[in-house]
Protein backbone atom coordinates (compact mmCIF):
# COMPACT_ATOMS: atom_id res chain seq x y z
CA MET A 1 0.00 0.00 0.00
CA THR A 2 1.33 3.44 -0.92
CA ARG A 3 1.93 5.91 1.90
CA PHE A 4 0.36 9.28 1.40
CA LYS A 5 2.96 12.07 1.59
CA LEU A 6 1.58 15.17 3.29
CA HIS A 7 4.62 17.27 2.44
CA LEU A 8 3.58 17.01 -1.22
CA LEU A 9 0.01 18.06 -0.50
CA PHE A 10 0.73 21.33 1.32
CA PRO A 11 2.44 23.18 -1.56
CA ALA A 12 -0.38 22.24 -3.91
CA LEU A 13 -2.98 23.34 -1.39
CA PHE A 14 -1.13 26.64 -0.84
CA LEU A 15 -0.97 27.34 -4.58
CA THR A 16 -4.65 26.51 -4.97
CA LEU A 17 -5.69 28.85 -2.19
CA CYS A 18 -3.46 31.65 -3.46
CA THR A 19 -4.85 31.55 -6.97
CA VAL A 20 -8.54 31.66 -6.10
CA PRO A 21 -9.81 35.04 -7.35
CA ALA A 22 -11.29 37.35 -4.73
CA ASP A 23 -14.55 39.15 -5.26
CA ALA A 24 -15.49 42.64 -4.10
CA LYS A 25 -16.89 41.29 -0.84
CA THR A 26 -13.76 39.33 0.08
CA PRO A 27 -11.85 41.01 2.90
CA ARG A 28 -8.37 42.10 1.89
CA SER A 29 -5.34 41.09 3.88
CA SER A 30 -4.27 43.91 6.17
CA SER A 31 -1.03 42.05 6.94
CA ALA A 32 -0.18 41.92 3.21
CA LYS A 33 -0.85 45.65 2.92
CA THR A 34 1.34 46.38 5.96
CA ALA A 35 4.14 44.21 4.58
CA PHE A 36 3.92 46.03 1.24
CA LYS A 37 4.18 49.42 2.96
CA LYS A 38 7.30 48.25 4.81
CA MET A 39 8.86 47.05 1.54
CA GLN A 40 7.76 50.09 -0.48
CA PRO A 41 7.21 53.25 1.60
CA CYS A 42 4.77 55.91 0.38
CA PRO A 43 6.18 57.85 -2.61
CA ALA A 44 4.64 61.10 -1.33
CA THR A 45 5.82 60.99 2.29
CA GLY A 46 8.50 58.31 2.46
CA SER A 47 6.66 56.76 5.41
CA SER A 48 5.78 53.10 5.79
CA LYS A 49 2.83 53.92 8.06
CA GLY A 50 -0.33 55.97 7.74
CA ALA A 51 -1.97 57.61 4.74
CA CYS A 52 -0.24 58.24 1.43
CA PRO A 53 -1.73 61.42 -0.07
CA GLY A 54 -2.44 61.17 -3.79
CA TYR A 55 -1.66 57.45 -3.98
CA VAL A 56 -3.45 54.14 -3.50
CA ILE A 57 -2.17 50.59 -3.24
CA ASP A 58 -3.00 48.76 -6.45
CA HIS A 59 -2.87 45.07 -7.31
CA VAL A 60 -0.70 44.67 -10.42
CA VAL A 61 -2.69 41.60 -11.48
CA PRO A 62 -6.23 42.45 -10.36
CA LEU A 63 -7.79 40.20 -7.74
CA ASP A 64 -10.78 39.58 -10.04
CA CYS A 65 -8.35 38.37 -12.73
CA GLY A 66 -6.76 35.84 -10.39
CA GLY A 67 -4.05 38.03 -8.83
CA ALA A 68 -2.87 37.30 -5.33
CA ASP A 69 -3.56 39.58 -2.38
CA ALA A 70 0.16 39.62 -1.56
CA PRO A 71 2.84 42.31 -1.32
CA GLU A 72 4.54 40.94 -4.45
CA ASN A 73 1.39 41.80 -6.42
CA MET A 74 1.03 45.35 -5.08
CA GLN A 75 2.27 48.72 -6.28
CA TRP A 76 1.73 52.39 -5.49
CA GLN A 77 -0.45 54.09 -8.05
CA THR A 78 -1.66 57.66 -8.33
CA VAL A 79 -5.36 58.15 -7.70
CA ALA A 80 -5.88 59.31 -11.32
CA ASP A 81 -4.05 56.27 -12.75
CA ALA A 82 -5.99 53.96 -10.43
CA LYS A 83 -9.34 55.30 -11.68
CA GLU A 84 -8.26 54.74 -15.29
CA LYS A 85 -7.02 51.21 -14.58
CA ASP A 86 -10.22 50.39 -12.66
CA ARG A 87 -12.29 51.26 -15.76
CA TRP A 88 -10.62 48.71 -18.02
CA GLU A 89 -10.34 46.12 -15.25
CA ARG A 90 -14.12 46.17 -14.75
CA LYS A 91 -14.60 45.46 -18.46
CA GLY A 92 -11.89 42.85 -18.95
CA CYS A 93 -11.81 40.86 -15.75
CA ARG A 94 -15.41 40.12 -14.96
CA ARG A 95 -16.02 36.74 -13.48
CA PRO A 96 -18.90 34.58 -14.74
């Protein structure tokens, strides 16, 4: 009888959970956002805490298109650029 190897299951489970697209009602990870701010301080203030005037944190690959809610998938984006990107994301990344 073949022994089941759990150490092979966990990476697959992790990848599956990380690639499930989030919808608008899915809570975002505050720890991922905090980690991103530590890695990439605010371009306007240079601070890794608090508000960042004129900028928002954007997901490079949108969550609705299968992007991860992780610091590696985040970037600072101006408010104006974010509004423009949001327009085409709503059209191109709708889930069934």
